[in-house]
Amino acid sequence: MKFLGRAFRYIAWFVFAAAIAWLLKRIFASAARQQTVAANTRARVSPAPSPKLLYRDPVCGSYIAEEISHPWEQGSETLHFCSRECLEHYRAGDRIAAGA
């Protein structure tokens, strides 16, 4: 009788452990699926930012975005400078050329 009771107890623990393992497997698989769907959704929702147009400084040659440049209109053309110093240097060169 002890043998049957012990065998029944082992079988019950085995079934219990198998049920817990099955439940954990389903939980982790569901979480992985949700994470994959969220990653794919994020990738589709946020497109890559468009590149900004850069202008070349005529004095030092560096490239500068329009938002942070120092613009100078010369005739129908707008020049963009990286700093106030480059703008002043260019204007001084224009004055010298105009006086010559």
Protein backbone atom coordinates (compact mmCIF):
# COMPACT_ATOMS: atom_id res chain seq x y z
CA MET A 1 0.00 0.00 0.00
CA LYS A 2 2.88 2.35 0.76
CA PHE A 3 4.24 1.75 -2.71
CA LEU A 4 1.00 2.80 -4.43
CA GLY A 5 0.69 5.89 -2.26
CA ARG A 6 4.28 6.90 -3.02
CA ALA A 7 3.83 6.24 -6.77
CA PHE A 8 0.63 8.31 -6.78
CA ARG A 9 2.42 11.17 -4.98
CA TYR A 10 5.28 11.15 -7.55
CA ILE A 11 2.81 11.17 -10.42
CA ALA A 12 0.87 14.05 -8.83
CA TRP A 13 4.05 16.11 -8.37
CA PHE A 14 5.11 15.38 -11.92
CA VAL A 15 1.74 16.53 -13.30
CA PHE A 16 1.90 19.64 -11.09
CA ALA A 17 5.45 20.49 -12.24
CA ALA A 18 4.51 19.90 -15.90
CA ALA A 19 1.50 22.21 -15.54
CA ILE A 20 3.67 24.95 -14.00
CA ALA A 21 6.26 24.56 -16.78
CA TRP A 22 3.53 24.74 -19.45
CA LEU A 23 2.06 27.87 -17.83
CA LEU A 24 5.46 29.61 -17.63
CA LYS A 25 6.20 28.74 -21.25
CA ARG A 26 2.91 30.32 -22.37
CA ILE A 27 3.55 33.47 -20.32
CA PHE A 28 7.06 33.98 -21.73
CA ALA A 29 5.94 33.23 -25.30
CA SER A 30 3.11 35.75 -24.99
CA ALA A 31 5.46 38.41 -23.61
CA ALA A 32 7.95 37.79 -26.44
CA ARG A 33 5.18 38.09 -29.04
CA GLN A 34 3.97 41.38 -27.54
CA GLN A 35 7.52 42.74 -27.47
CA THR A 36 8.04 41.81 -31.13
CA VAL A 37 4.75 43.44 -32.15
CA ALA A 38 5.64 46.59 -30.18
CA ALA A 39 9.08 46.77 -31.83
CA ASN A 40 7.56 46.37 -35.30
CA THR A 41 4.93 49.00 -34.54
CA ARG A 42 7.54 51.49 -33.35
CA ALA A 43 9.59 50.92 -36.50
CA ARG A 44 6.61 51.60 -38.75
CA VAL A 45 5.34 54.62 -36.83
CA SER A 46 8.52 56.67 -36.55
CA PRO A 47 10.07 57.32 -39.98
CA ALA A 48 13.66 58.43 -40.36
CA PRO A 49 14.15 62.17 -40.06
CA SER A 50 14.69 64.01 -43.30
CA PRO A 51 18.19 65.42 -43.85
CA LYS A 52 18.69 69.14 -43.31
CA LEU A 53 20.09 71.41 -45.96
CA LEU A 54 23.55 72.76 -45.10
CA TYR A 55 25.14 75.91 -46.48
CA ARG A 56 28.85 76.46 -46.99
CA ASP A 57 30.45 79.45 -45.29
CA PRO A 58 32.27 81.44 -48.02
CA VAL A 59 35.01 82.58 -45.60
CA CYS A 60 36.12 79.52 -43.65
CA GLY A 61 34.43 76.77 -45.72
CA SER A 62 32.54 75.11 -42.86
CA TYR A 63 29.02 73.83 -43.39
CA ILE A 64 26.20 75.33 -41.34
CA ALA A 65 22.45 74.75 -40.97
CA GLU A 66 20.14 77.61 -41.87
CA GLU A 67 18.60 77.73 -38.37
CA ILE A 68 21.89 78.64 -36.67
CA SER A 69 23.63 80.55 -39.45
CA HIS A 70 24.24 84.29 -39.76
CA PRO A 71 22.58 85.19 -43.07
CA TRP A 72 23.72 88.03 -45.32
CA GLU A 73 21.80 89.08 -48.39
CA GLN A 74 23.90 90.19 -51.32
CA GLY A 75 21.77 91.12 -54.30
CA SER A 76 19.40 88.24 -54.95
CA GLU A 77 21.65 85.73 -53.18
CA THR A 78 21.65 84.88 -49.48
CA LEU A 79 24.96 83.81 -47.96
CA HIS A 80 25.13 81.90 -44.68
CA PHE A 81 28.03 82.29 -42.25
CA CYS A 82 29.00 80.09 -39.32
CA SER A 83 29.84 82.99 -37.00
CA ARG A 84 29.61 86.73 -36.66
CA GLU A 85 33.38 86.95 -37.17
CA CYS A 86 33.19 85.26 -40.58
CA LEU A 87 30.35 87.58 -41.58
CA GLU A 88 32.33 90.67 -40.55
CA HIS A 89 35.43 89.36 -42.34
CA TYR A 90 33.41 88.90 -45.55
CA ARG A 91 31.82 92.35 -45.26
CA ALA A 92 35.25 93.94 -44.69
CA GLY A 93 36.53 92.22 -47.83
CA ASP A 94 33.54 93.57 -49.78
CA ARG A 95 34.27 97.10 -48.58
CA ILE A 96 37.91 96.83 -49.63
CA ALA A 97 36.90 95.49 -53.05
CA ALA A 98 34.26 98.21 -53.49
CA GLY A 99 36.78 100.95 -52.65
CA ALA A 100 39.40 99.70 -55.10
